[in-house]
Amino acid sequence: MEGKIAAISLDKIKITKKRTAIINELQRWYNHLTAEKLCLLPKNGFSSFGAAAVYRNLKILSKIGIVNEIRSNSKIRFDGNVKLHYHLQCTDCGRLVNLGKQYIRNKISDTIAYITDHKDERFITSCKPEFSGICPDRIKNNQYSMEEYDGT
């Protein structure tokens, strides 16, 4: 994180208290917040500068790689985890959950890792596969039966 903040300084982007607070807050949550939801969190102090200011700061932080911008279900969400990982959009409840490599066949994961590790040898600059299915919470709470799912 400190290396990333140093990069902000090199890019001549001020490290403000707002940006530091936004980064810290996103890294605490794993549910991929929108700017509006970030403002509504209790005791974070973001409500004093509103959703538009939070959104502008999130866009800047996303552009320089401090946070990830995720577009799903016509919403723009932000993720404080910038390490390579995937997301699953639950088709039942709409949640966006982190999906570890262990859930993806090794062949796909290895191919994605190879492509992203060798960007300089190809025209590909990023790879963001989108997965949809049923989230673990729905399955765990017996709100969805895997037997009902036929894979089509």
Protein backbone atom coordinates (compact mmCIF):
# COMPACT_ATOMS: atom_id res chain seq x y z
CA MET A 1 0.00 0.00 0.00
CA GLU A 2 2.76 2.47 0.89
CA GLY A 3 4.38 1.84 -2.50
CA LYS A 4 1.09 2.68 -4.18
CA ILE A 5 0.77 5.89 -2.19
CA ALA A 6 4.31 6.79 -3.23
CA ALA A 7 3.20 6.27 -6.83
CA ILE A 8 0.37 8.75 -6.23
CA SER A 9 2.95 11.33 -5.22
CA LEU A 10 5.01 10.60 -8.31
CA ASP A 11 1.92 11.08 -10.48
CA LYS A 12 1.53 14.52 -8.87
CA ILE A 13 -1.79 13.60 -7.36
CA LYS A 14 -2.22 14.94 -3.86
CA ILE A 15 -2.57 12.42 -1.07
CA THR A 16 -5.49 14.00 0.72
CA LYS A 17 -7.15 12.85 3.91
CA LYS A 18 -10.27 12.03 1.85
CA ARG A 19 -8.38 9.75 -0.52
CA THR A 20 -6.55 8.03 2.31
CA ALA A 21 -9.86 7.52 4.16
CA ILE A 22 -11.52 6.14 1.01
CA ILE A 23 -8.67 3.68 0.40
CA ASN A 24 -8.71 2.52 4.02
CA GLU A 25 -12.49 2.10 4.04
CA LEU A 26 -12.55 0.09 0.79
CA GLN A 27 -9.84 -2.22 2.08
CA ARG A 28 -11.94 -2.95 5.18
CA TRP A 29 -15.00 -4.09 3.21
CA TYR A 30 -15.32 -7.07 0.89
CA ASN A 31 -18.72 -6.29 -0.58
CA HIS A 32 -17.63 -4.00 -3.42
CA LEU A 33 -19.21 -0.69 -2.47
CA THR A 34 -20.70 1.97 -4.70
CA ALA A 35 -19.83 5.61 -4.01
CA GLU A 36 -23.31 6.10 -2.55
CA LYS A 37 -22.99 3.16 -0.16
CA LEU A 38 -19.55 4.33 0.91
CA CYS A 39 -21.10 7.66 1.91
CA LEU A 40 -23.79 5.92 3.96
CA LEU A 41 -21.40 3.91 6.12
CA PRO A 42 -21.63 5.03 9.72
CA LYS A 43 -18.76 6.95 11.33
CA ASN A 44 -16.67 7.32 8.19
CA GLY A 45 -17.17 11.07 7.77
CA PHE A 46 -17.77 10.80 4.00
CA SER A 47 -21.28 12.24 4.19
CA SER A 48 -19.75 15.68 4.76
CA PHE A 49 -18.43 15.83 1.19
CA GLY A 50 -21.13 13.85 -0.63
CA ALA A 51 -21.35 11.07 -3.16
CA ALA A 52 -20.15 13.13 -6.13
CA ALA A 53 -16.86 14.01 -4.44
CA VAL A 54 -16.38 10.43 -3.27
CA TYR A 55 -17.10 9.18 -6.80
CA ARG A 56 -14.59 11.61 -8.37
CA ASN A 57 -11.92 10.49 -5.91
CA LEU A 58 -12.72 6.82 -6.53
CA LYS A 59 -12.36 7.34 -10.29
CA ILE A 60 -8.94 8.96 -9.78
CA LEU A 61 -7.82 6.18 -7.44
CA SER A 62 -9.07 3.60 -9.93
CA LYS A 63 -7.25 5.22 -12.83
CA ILE A 64 -3.91 5.03 -11.02
CA GLY A 65 -4.49 1.46 -9.78
CA ILE A 66 -5.09 2.02 -6.06
CA VAL A 67 -8.63 0.59 -6.24
CA ASN A 68 -10.47 -1.48 -8.85
CA GLU A 69 -13.57 -0.25 -10.62
CA ILE A 70 -16.10 -2.99 -11.27
CA ARG A 71 -19.10 -2.57 -13.54
CA SER A 72 -21.89 -5.02 -12.78
CA ASN A 73 -25.67 -4.94 -13.04
CA SER A 74 -25.50 -1.36 -14.36
CA LYS A 75 -23.76 -0.29 -11.13
CA ILE A 76 -20.23 0.93 -10.68
CA ARG A 77 -18.64 -0.60 -7.61
CA PHE A 78 -15.17 -0.27 -6.19
CA ASP A 79 -12.83 -2.85 -4.70
CA GLY A 80 -9.89 -2.12 -2.41
CA ASN A 81 -8.30 -5.45 -3.33
CA VAL A 82 -6.20 -4.81 -6.43
CA LYS A 83 -4.54 -8.23 -6.45
CA LEU A 84 -5.56 -10.60 -9.24
CA HIS A 85 -8.88 -12.15 -8.32
CA TYR A 86 -12.26 -12.76 -9.92
CA HIS A 87 -15.85 -11.94 -9.07
CA LEU A 88 -19.09 -13.88 -9.21
CA GLN A 89 -22.33 -12.01 -9.78
CA CYS A 90 -25.10 -13.93 -8.01
CA THR A 91 -27.98 -14.40 -10.42
CA ASP A 92 -30.31 -15.03 -7.50
CA CYS A 93 -29.64 -12.13 -5.07
CA GLY A 94 -27.48 -9.78 -7.17
CA ARG A 95 -24.48 -9.78 -4.79
CA LEU A 96 -20.98 -9.49 -6.17
CA VAL A 97 -18.61 -11.82 -4.33
CA ASN A 98 -14.90 -12.50 -4.58
CA LEU A 99 -14.15 -15.72 -6.37
CA GLY A 100 -10.78 -17.30 -5.66
CA LYS A 101 -8.74 -19.14 -8.25
CA GLN A 102 -9.66 -22.42 -6.57
CA TYR A 103 -13.18 -22.08 -8.02
CA ILE A 104 -12.00 -21.83 -11.58
CA ARG A 105 -10.55 -24.70 -13.54
CA ASN A 106 -6.79 -24.55 -13.48
CA LYS A 107 -6.59 -24.36 -17.27
CA ILE A 108 -8.60 -21.11 -17.38
CA SER A 109 -6.76 -19.61 -14.43
CA ASP A 110 -3.36 -20.53 -15.86
CA THR A 111 -4.27 -19.08 -19.25
CA ILE A 112 -5.45 -15.82 -17.71
CA ALA A 113 -2.32 -15.62 -15.55
CA TYR A 114 -0.08 -16.28 -18.58
CA ILE A 115 -1.80 -13.64 -20.70
CA THR A 116 -1.70 -10.99 -17.99
CA ASP A 117 1.93 -11.80 -17.08
CA HIS A 118 3.06 -11.40 -20.70
CA LYS A 119 1.25 -8.18 -21.59
CA ASP A 120 4.32 -6.64 -23.16
CA GLU A 121 4.46 -9.44 -25.77
CA ARG A 122 0.83 -9.02 -26.85
CA PHE A 123 -1.77 -6.39 -27.52
CA ILE A 124 -3.80 -7.46 -24.48
CA THR A 125 -3.61 -4.88 -21.71
CA SER A 126 -6.02 -6.44 -19.23
CA CYS A 127 -8.25 -9.41 -18.66
CA LYS A 128 -11.43 -9.18 -16.60
CA PRO A 129 -13.54 -12.31 -16.96
CA GLU A 130 -17.07 -12.07 -15.59
CA PHE A 131 -18.65 -15.02 -13.84
CA SER A 132 -22.27 -15.44 -12.88
CA GLY A 133 -23.95 -18.09 -10.79
CA ILE A 134 -25.25 -18.66 -7.29
CA CYS A 135 -23.35 -17.14 -4.37
CA PRO A 136 -22.17 -19.31 -1.46
CA ASP A 137 -24.54 -17.57 1.00
CA ARG A 138 -27.64 -18.55 -1.01
CA ILE A 139 -26.47 -22.15 -1.27
CA LYS A 140 -25.38 -22.32 2.39
CA ASN A 141 -28.72 -20.94 3.61
CA ASN A 142 -30.60 -23.45 1.46
CA GLN A 143 -32.18 -20.64 -0.50
CA TYR A 144 -31.13 -22.29 -3.72
CA SER A 145 -30.74 -25.95 -4.56
CA MET A 146 -27.91 -27.01 -6.86
CA GLU A 147 -30.13 -29.88 -8.06
CA GLU A 148 -32.47 -27.27 -9.57
CA TYR A 149 -29.66 -25.81 -11.65
CA ASP A 150 -29.27 -27.56 -14.98
CA GLY A 151 -26.33 -25.48 -16.23
CA THR A 152 -28.17 -23.83 -19.13
